[in-house]
Structures are given as structure tokens and as C-alpha cells.
């Protein structure tokens, strides 16, 4: 989906039941505007890679696809 808009990425995540990991604030704005999606995991640009990996692993262990739908989880 190279070149696709952020809104297109969110729509695809909803259709396929996938969660998007991002460090792009635009996804937070789209969520705040009410765009539906399969879930977003957001981390600030300065977040260490190890913290990101541990956070993603924890999210996979405690939240299922249904719980992540239209939900933003911050790392």
C-alpha cells in the first residue's frame, strides 16, 4: 500500500482485522475524528525499540482483535 493515504490504511486495518503500529500523529487525529479502524498502537518517535517490542508483545497477550477495534493503545 505504498503511497496510500492514512485513511486508506485505517480502512484496510478494519477490513482485515489488523492493528496498525505507528509513530505518526496523523493516525491519532483520524481516530479522534471518528475514523473506524482495526486498532492503533502508537509510540512517540523517541521510544526505544526494546520498549516498543515489549509493549507490542504485552498488547498481543492481553488484548484480542475485538478489544482493539477502534481503540488506540499508547506505548
N, C-alpha and C. Protein backbone atom coordinates (compact mmCIF):
# COMPACT_ATOMS: atom_id res chain seq x y z
N UNK A 1 0.82 -1.19 0.00
CA UNK A 1 0.00 0.00 0.00
C UNK A 1 0.86 1.25 0.00
N UNK A 2 1.99 1.13 -0.60
CA UNK A 2 2.89 2.27 -0.72
C UNK A 2 2.17 3.40 -1.43
N UNK A 3 2.18 4.57 -0.85
CA UNK A 3 1.52 5.72 -1.45
C UNK A 3 0.06 5.88 -1.04
N UNK A 4 -0.48 4.91 -0.28
CA UNK A 4 -1.86 5.01 0.17
C UNK A 4 -1.96 6.04 1.30
N UNK A 5 -3.12 6.65 1.42
CA UNK A 5 -3.32 7.63 2.49
C UNK A 5 -3.47 6.93 3.83
N UNK A 6 -3.32 7.71 4.90
CA UNK A 6 -3.50 7.16 6.24
C UNK A 6 -4.92 6.62 6.40
N UNK A 7 -5.90 7.33 5.85
CA UNK A 7 -7.30 6.88 5.93
C UNK A 7 -7.48 5.54 5.23
N UNK A 8 -6.80 5.33 4.12
CA UNK A 8 -6.87 4.05 3.41
C UNK A 8 -6.24 2.93 4.25
N UNK A 9 -5.15 3.24 4.94
CA UNK A 9 -4.52 2.25 5.82
C UNK A 9 -5.47 1.86 6.95
N UNK A 10 -6.15 2.86 7.54
CA UNK A 10 -7.10 2.56 8.62
C UNK A 10 -8.26 1.71 8.10
N UNK A 11 -8.77 2.02 6.92
CA UNK A 11 -9.87 1.25 6.34
C UNK A 11 -9.44 -0.20 6.10
N UNK A 12 -8.24 -0.40 5.60
CA UNK A 12 -7.73 -1.75 5.38
C UNK A 12 -7.58 -2.50 6.70
N UNK A 13 -7.09 -1.81 7.73
CA UNK A 13 -6.92 -2.47 9.03
C UNK A 13 -8.28 -2.94 9.56
N UNK A 14 -9.32 -2.16 9.33
CA UNK A 14 -10.66 -2.55 9.77
C UNK A 14 -11.16 -3.75 8.97
N UNK A 15 -11.03 -3.70 7.65
CA UNK A 15 -11.48 -4.81 6.79
C UNK A 15 -10.79 -6.12 7.13
N UNK A 16 -9.49 -6.04 7.42
CA UNK A 16 -8.70 -7.25 7.64
C UNK A 16 -8.53 -7.60 9.11
N UNK A 17 -9.09 -6.80 10.00
CA UNK A 17 -8.97 -7.08 11.43
C UNK A 17 -7.54 -6.99 11.93
N UNK A 18 -6.81 -6.02 11.42
CA UNK A 18 -5.41 -5.85 11.78
C UNK A 18 -5.20 -4.57 12.58
N UNK A 19 -4.18 -4.58 13.40
CA UNK A 19 -3.82 -3.42 14.21
C UNK A 19 -2.62 -2.74 13.55
N UNK A 20 -2.65 -1.42 13.52
CA UNK A 20 -1.55 -0.64 12.95
C UNK A 20 -0.64 -0.16 14.08
N UNK A 21 0.65 -0.39 13.95
CA UNK A 21 1.64 0.23 14.84
C UNK A 21 2.17 1.45 14.10
N UNK A 22 2.23 2.58 14.79
CA UNK A 22 2.70 3.79 14.14
C UNK A 22 3.37 4.73 15.13
N UNK A 23 4.17 5.62 14.57
CA UNK A 23 4.74 6.72 15.32
C UNK A 23 4.31 8.04 14.65
N UNK A 24 3.26 7.97 13.86
CA UNK A 24 2.74 9.09 13.09
C UNK A 24 1.49 9.65 13.78
N UNK A 25 1.57 10.91 14.22
CA UNK A 25 0.45 11.57 14.92
C UNK A 25 -0.82 11.66 14.08
N UNK A 26 -0.69 11.61 12.76
CA UNK A 26 -1.87 11.72 11.90
C UNK A 26 -2.89 10.63 12.19
N UNK A 27 -2.43 9.44 12.57
CA UNK A 27 -3.36 8.35 12.88
C UNK A 27 -4.17 8.67 14.15
N UNK A 28 -3.55 9.38 15.09
CA UNK A 28 -4.27 9.79 16.30
C UNK A 28 -5.34 10.81 15.96
N UNK A 29 -5.04 11.72 15.03
CA UNK A 29 -6.03 12.71 14.61
C UNK A 29 -7.20 12.04 13.91
N UNK A 30 -6.93 11.09 13.03
CA UNK A 30 -8.01 10.39 12.34
C UNK A 30 -8.89 9.63 13.33
N UNK A 31 -8.26 9.01 14.32
CA UNK A 31 -9.02 8.31 15.36
C UNK A 31 -9.91 9.30 16.11
N UNK A 32 -9.36 10.45 16.48
CA UNK A 32 -10.11 11.47 17.22
C UNK A 32 -11.28 12.02 16.39
N UNK A 33 -11.14 11.99 15.08
CA UNK A 33 -12.21 12.47 14.20
C UNK A 33 -13.29 11.41 13.98
N UNK A 34 -13.07 10.21 14.53
CA UNK A 34 -14.08 9.17 14.43
C UNK A 34 -13.87 8.14 13.35
N UNK A 35 -12.72 8.14 12.71
CA UNK A 35 -12.45 7.13 11.68
C UNK A 35 -12.41 5.75 12.31
N UNK A 36 -13.11 4.80 11.69
CA UNK A 36 -13.08 3.43 12.20
C UNK A 36 -11.81 2.74 11.75
N UNK A 37 -11.33 1.81 12.59
CA UNK A 37 -10.10 1.10 12.28
C UNK A 37 -10.01 -0.18 13.11
N UNK A 38 -9.08 -1.03 12.75
CA UNK A 38 -8.88 -2.29 13.45
C UNK A 38 -8.09 -2.15 14.73
N UNK A 39 -7.59 -0.96 15.01
CA UNK A 39 -6.81 -0.70 16.20
C UNK A 39 -5.52 0.00 15.84
N UNK A 40 -5.05 0.84 16.74
CA UNK A 40 -3.81 1.57 16.53
C UNK A 40 -2.96 1.45 17.79
N UNK A 41 -1.71 1.13 17.61
CA UNK A 41 -0.72 1.18 18.70
C UNK A 41 0.23 2.30 18.33
N UNK A 42 0.35 3.28 19.24
CA UNK A 42 1.15 4.47 18.96
C UNK A 42 2.31 4.57 19.95
N UNK A 43 3.46 4.95 19.41
CA UNK A 43 4.64 5.23 20.25
C UNK A 43 5.27 6.52 19.76
N UNK A 44 5.76 7.34 20.69
CA UNK A 44 6.47 8.56 20.32
C UNK A 44 7.75 8.20 19.56
N UNK A 45 8.24 9.13 18.77
CA UNK A 45 9.44 8.92 17.97
C UNK A 45 10.65 8.51 18.80
N UNK A 46 10.75 9.00 20.02
CA UNK A 46 11.95 8.73 20.84
C UNK A 46 11.86 7.43 21.63
N UNK A 47 10.79 6.67 21.47
CA UNK A 47 10.62 5.44 22.24
C UNK A 47 11.67 4.40 21.82
N UNK A 48 12.44 3.87 22.77
CA UNK A 48 13.44 2.86 22.44
C UNK A 48 12.80 1.60 21.82
N UNK A 49 13.50 1.00 20.89
CA UNK A 49 13.00 -0.17 20.19
C UNK A 49 12.64 -1.30 21.16
N UNK A 50 13.46 -1.52 22.16
CA UNK A 50 13.17 -2.58 23.14
C UNK A 50 11.84 -2.34 23.85
N UNK A 51 11.55 -1.08 24.19
CA UNK A 51 10.27 -0.75 24.83
C UNK A 51 9.11 -1.00 23.88
N UNK A 52 9.32 -0.70 22.61
CA UNK A 52 8.27 -0.95 21.61
C UNK A 52 7.98 -2.44 21.50
N UNK A 53 9.02 -3.24 21.39
CA UNK A 53 8.85 -4.68 21.26
C UNK A 53 8.15 -5.26 22.49
N UNK A 54 8.60 -4.88 23.68
CA UNK A 54 7.95 -5.37 24.90
C UNK A 54 6.49 -4.93 24.98
N UNK A 55 6.22 -3.69 24.61
CA UNK A 55 4.84 -3.20 24.62
C UNK A 55 3.95 -3.93 23.64
N UNK A 56 4.45 -4.18 22.44
CA UNK A 56 3.67 -4.91 21.44
C UNK A 56 3.40 -6.34 21.89
N UNK A 57 4.39 -6.97 22.50
CA UNK A 57 4.20 -8.34 23.00
C UNK A 57 3.14 -8.37 24.10
N UNK A 58 3.16 -7.40 24.99
CA UNK A 58 2.18 -7.34 26.06
C UNK A 58 0.77 -7.12 25.50
N UNK A 59 0.65 -6.22 24.54
CA UNK A 59 -0.66 -5.98 23.93
C UNK A 59 -1.20 -7.26 23.29
N UNK A 60 -0.34 -7.99 22.61
CA UNK A 60 -0.77 -9.26 21.98
C UNK A 60 -1.25 -10.27 23.01
N UNK A 61 -0.67 -10.22 24.19
CA UNK A 61 -1.03 -11.18 25.24
C UNK A 61 -2.33 -10.82 25.95
N UNK A 62 -2.66 -9.53 26.05
CA UNK A 62 -3.80 -9.15 26.89
C UNK A 62 -5.00 -8.61 26.13
N UNK A 63 -4.84 -8.20 24.89
CA UNK A 63 -5.97 -7.66 24.12
C UNK A 63 -6.19 -8.48 22.86
N UNK A 64 -7.47 -8.78 22.58
CA UNK A 64 -7.74 -9.50 21.34
C UNK A 64 -8.20 -8.51 20.27
N UNK A 65 -8.44 -9.01 19.07
CA UNK A 65 -8.79 -8.15 17.93
C UNK A 65 -10.06 -7.35 18.21
N UNK A 66 -11.03 -7.95 18.85
CA UNK A 66 -12.28 -7.26 19.16
C UNK A 66 -12.05 -6.08 20.11
N UNK A 67 -11.19 -6.28 21.10
CA UNK A 67 -10.90 -5.22 22.06
C UNK A 67 -10.10 -4.08 21.43
N UNK A 68 -9.33 -4.39 20.41
CA UNK A 68 -8.50 -3.36 19.77
C UNK A 68 -9.27 -2.55 18.73
N UNK A 69 -10.39 -3.08 18.24
CA UNK A 69 -11.12 -2.37 17.19
C UNK A 69 -11.53 -0.97 17.68
N UNK A 70 -11.17 0.04 16.88
CA UNK A 70 -11.45 1.45 17.17
C UNK A 70 -10.83 1.93 18.49
N UNK A 71 -9.76 1.29 18.89
CA UNK A 71 -9.07 1.60 20.15
C UNK A 71 -7.63 2.01 19.84
N UNK A 72 -7.12 2.97 20.60
CA UNK A 72 -5.71 3.37 20.50
C UNK A 72 -5.02 2.97 21.79
N UNK A 73 -3.91 2.28 21.66
CA UNK A 73 -3.09 1.89 22.81
C UNK A 73 -1.76 2.65 22.68
N UNK A 74 -1.37 3.32 23.74
CA UNK A 74 -0.13 4.11 23.74
C UNK A 74 0.99 3.34 24.41
N UNK A 75 2.16 3.34 23.79
CA UNK A 75 3.34 2.70 24.39
C UNK A 75 4.18 3.74 25.09
